[in-house]
Amino acid sequence: MGRLNRKNRTDIILKNRGGMFDAINDAVKQTWRINDEEYDFICENATDEELDLIVSDSILDFSKKRKVIECVNRLIEKMKSLPL
């Protein structure tokens, strides 16, 4: 599922409880249009380099943005292919 396909999702619920880390987590989930389960899976399975790119606060060039999008999409597809 590509990022654009996730554009109009209704299963993304932001759980900001007022903490700084909740706000950061919600910002990442909102940016990549992923829900809590997908976010948890990505955090558990992405490499340190991939996580650094996903949460990067700097302006990424086109090739890095493409790499991040491919990484997020790959990890979500991997999650969906796992048996329940």
C-alpha atoms as a PDB file:
ATOM      1  CA  MET A   1       0.000   0.000   0.000  1.00  0.00           C
ATOM      2  CA  GLY A   2       1.592   3.222  -1.121  1.00  0.00           C
ATOM      3  CA  ARG A   3       1.583   6.429   0.868  1.00  0.00           C
ATOM      4  CA  LEU A   4      -0.959   7.988  -1.481  1.00  0.00           C
ATOM      5  CA  ASN A   5      -3.215   4.956  -1.048  1.00  0.00           C
ATOM      6  CA  ARG A   6      -3.083   5.563   2.696  1.00  0.00           C
ATOM      7  CA  LYS A   7      -4.174   9.187   2.236  1.00  0.00           C
ATOM      8  CA  ASN A   8      -7.804   8.851   3.277  1.00  0.00           C
ATOM      9  CA  ARG A   9      -7.505   6.202   5.971  1.00  0.00           C
ATOM     10  CA  THR A  10      -9.941   6.293   8.850  1.00  0.00           C
ATOM     11  CA  ASP A  11      -8.159   3.777  11.113  1.00  0.00           C
ATOM     12  CA  ILE A  12      -5.423   6.207  12.153  1.00  0.00           C
ATOM     13  CA  ILE A  13      -6.186   7.467  15.634  1.00  0.00           C
ATOM     14  CA  LEU A  14      -3.676   9.765  17.240  1.00  0.00           C
ATOM     15  CA  LYS A  15      -3.278   9.072  20.959  1.00  0.00           C
ATOM     16  CA  ASN A  16      -1.526  12.207  22.124  1.00  0.00           C
ATOM     17  CA  ARG A  17      -1.684  12.241  25.888  1.00  0.00           C
ATOM     18  CA  GLY A  18       0.148  15.533  26.128  1.00  0.00           C
ATOM     19  CA  GLY A  19       3.671  14.160  26.408  1.00  0.00           C
ATOM     20  CA  MET A  20       6.565  15.180  24.212  1.00  0.00           C
ATOM     21  CA  PHE A  21       7.191  11.631  22.969  1.00  0.00           C
ATOM     22  CA  ASP A  22       3.509  11.124  22.161  1.00  0.00           C
ATOM     23  CA  ALA A  23       3.563  14.291  20.079  1.00  0.00           C
ATOM     24  CA  ILE A  24       6.635  13.104  18.177  1.00  0.00           C
ATOM     25  CA  ASN A  25       5.124   9.640  17.600  1.00  0.00           C
ATOM     26  CA  ASP A  26       1.867  11.175  16.385  1.00  0.00           C
ATOM     27  CA  ALA A  27       3.743  13.477  14.009  1.00  0.00           C
ATOM     28  CA  VAL A  28       5.580  10.507  12.468  1.00  0.00           C
ATOM     29  CA  LYS A  29       2.357   8.503  12.143  1.00  0.00           C
ATOM     30  CA  GLN A  30       0.565  11.444  10.574  1.00  0.00           C
ATOM     31  CA  THR A  31       3.423  12.176   8.154  1.00  0.00           C
ATOM     32  CA  TRP A  32       3.642   8.597   6.874  1.00  0.00           C
ATOM     33  CA  ARG A  33      -0.106   7.944   7.256  1.00  0.00           C
ATOM     34  CA  ILE A  34       0.317   4.811   9.325  1.00  0.00           C
ATOM     35  CA  ASN A  35      -1.599   3.477  12.302  1.00  0.00           C
ATOM     36  CA  ASP A  36      -0.271   2.384  15.692  1.00  0.00           C
ATOM     37  CA  GLU A  37       0.269  -1.259  14.725  1.00  0.00           C
ATOM     38  CA  GLU A  38       2.185  -0.320  11.589  1.00  0.00           C
ATOM     39  CA  TYR A  39       4.249   2.216  13.535  1.00  0.00           C
ATOM     40  CA  ASP A  40       5.146  -0.361  16.181  1.00  0.00           C
ATOM     41  CA  PHE A  41       6.114  -2.907  13.496  1.00  0.00           C
ATOM     42  CA  ILE A  42       8.297  -0.366  11.702  1.00  0.00           C
ATOM     43  CA  CYS A  43      10.051   0.605  14.952  1.00  0.00           C
ATOM     44  CA  GLU A  44      10.750  -3.049  15.739  1.00  0.00           C
ATOM     45  CA  ASN A  45      11.921  -4.124  12.270  1.00  0.00           C
ATOM     46  CA  ALA A  46      13.617  -1.118  10.663  1.00  0.00           C
ATOM     47  CA  THR A  47      17.364  -0.718  10.823  1.00  0.00           C
ATOM     48  CA  ASP A  48      18.896   2.219  12.682  1.00  0.00           C
ATOM     49  CA  GLU A  49      19.685   3.908   9.365  1.00  0.00           C
ATOM     50  CA  GLU A  50      16.082   3.511   8.178  1.00  0.00           C
ATOM     51  CA  LEU A  51      14.702   4.860  11.455  1.00  0.00           C
ATOM     52  CA  ASP A  52      17.023   7.860  11.250  1.00  0.00           C
ATOM     53  CA  LEU A  53      15.664   8.665   7.787  1.00  0.00           C
ATOM     54  CA  ILE A  54      12.032   8.098   8.789  1.00  0.00           C
ATOM     55  CA  VAL A  55      12.206  10.532  11.708  1.00  0.00           C
ATOM     56  CA  SER A  56      14.694  12.918  10.111  1.00  0.00           C
ATOM     57  CA  ASP A  57      14.115  16.561  10.985  1.00  0.00           C
ATOM     58  CA  SER A  58      16.292  17.822   8.154  1.00  0.00           C
ATOM     59  CA  ILE A  59      15.200  18.513   4.614  1.00  0.00           C
ATOM     60  CA  LEU A  60      15.790  15.351   2.597  1.00  0.00           C
ATOM     61  CA  ASP A  61      16.796  15.368  -1.038  1.00  0.00           C
ATOM     62  CA  PHE A  62      14.681  13.499  -3.568  1.00  0.00           C
ATOM     63  CA  SER A  63      16.701  10.275  -3.474  1.00  0.00           C
ATOM     64  CA  LYS A  64      16.499  10.036   0.325  1.00  0.00           C
ATOM     65  CA  LYS A  65      12.754  10.753   0.302  1.00  0.00           C
ATOM     66  CA  ARG A  66      12.295   7.993  -2.251  1.00  0.00           C
ATOM     67  CA  LYS A  67      14.363   5.626  -0.133  1.00  0.00           C
ATOM     68  CA  VAL A  68      12.259   6.395   2.957  1.00  0.00           C
ATOM     69  CA  ILE A  69       8.980   5.910   1.099  1.00  0.00           C
ATOM     70  CA  GLU A  70      10.196   2.591  -0.297  1.00  0.00           C
ATOM     71  CA  CYS A  71      11.336   1.512   3.170  1.00  0.00           C
ATOM     72  CA  VAL A  72       8.018   2.375   4.847  1.00  0.00           C
ATOM     73  CA  ASN A  73       6.029   0.703   2.078  1.00  0.00           C
ATOM     74  CA  ARG A  74       8.243  -2.411   2.199  1.00  0.00           C
ATOM     75  CA  LEU A  75       7.870  -2.756   5.953  1.00  0.00           C
ATOM     76  CA  ILE A  76       4.091  -2.297   5.832  1.00  0.00           C
ATOM     77  CA  GLU A  77       3.792  -4.913   3.088  1.00  0.00           C
ATOM     78  CA  LYS A  78       5.970  -7.241   5.152  1.00  0.00           C
ATOM     79  CA  MET A  79       3.693  -6.707   8.144  1.00  0.00           C
ATOM     80  CA  LYS A  80       0.568  -7.418   6.094  1.00  0.00           C
ATOM     81  CA  SER A  81       2.072 -10.624   4.700  1.00  0.00           C
ATOM     82  CA  LEU A  82       2.669 -12.099   8.164  1.00  0.00           C
ATOM     83  CA  PRO A  83       0.110 -14.638   9.365  1.00  0.00           C
ATOM     84  CA  LEU A  84      -2.238 -13.453  12.068  1.00  0.00           C
END
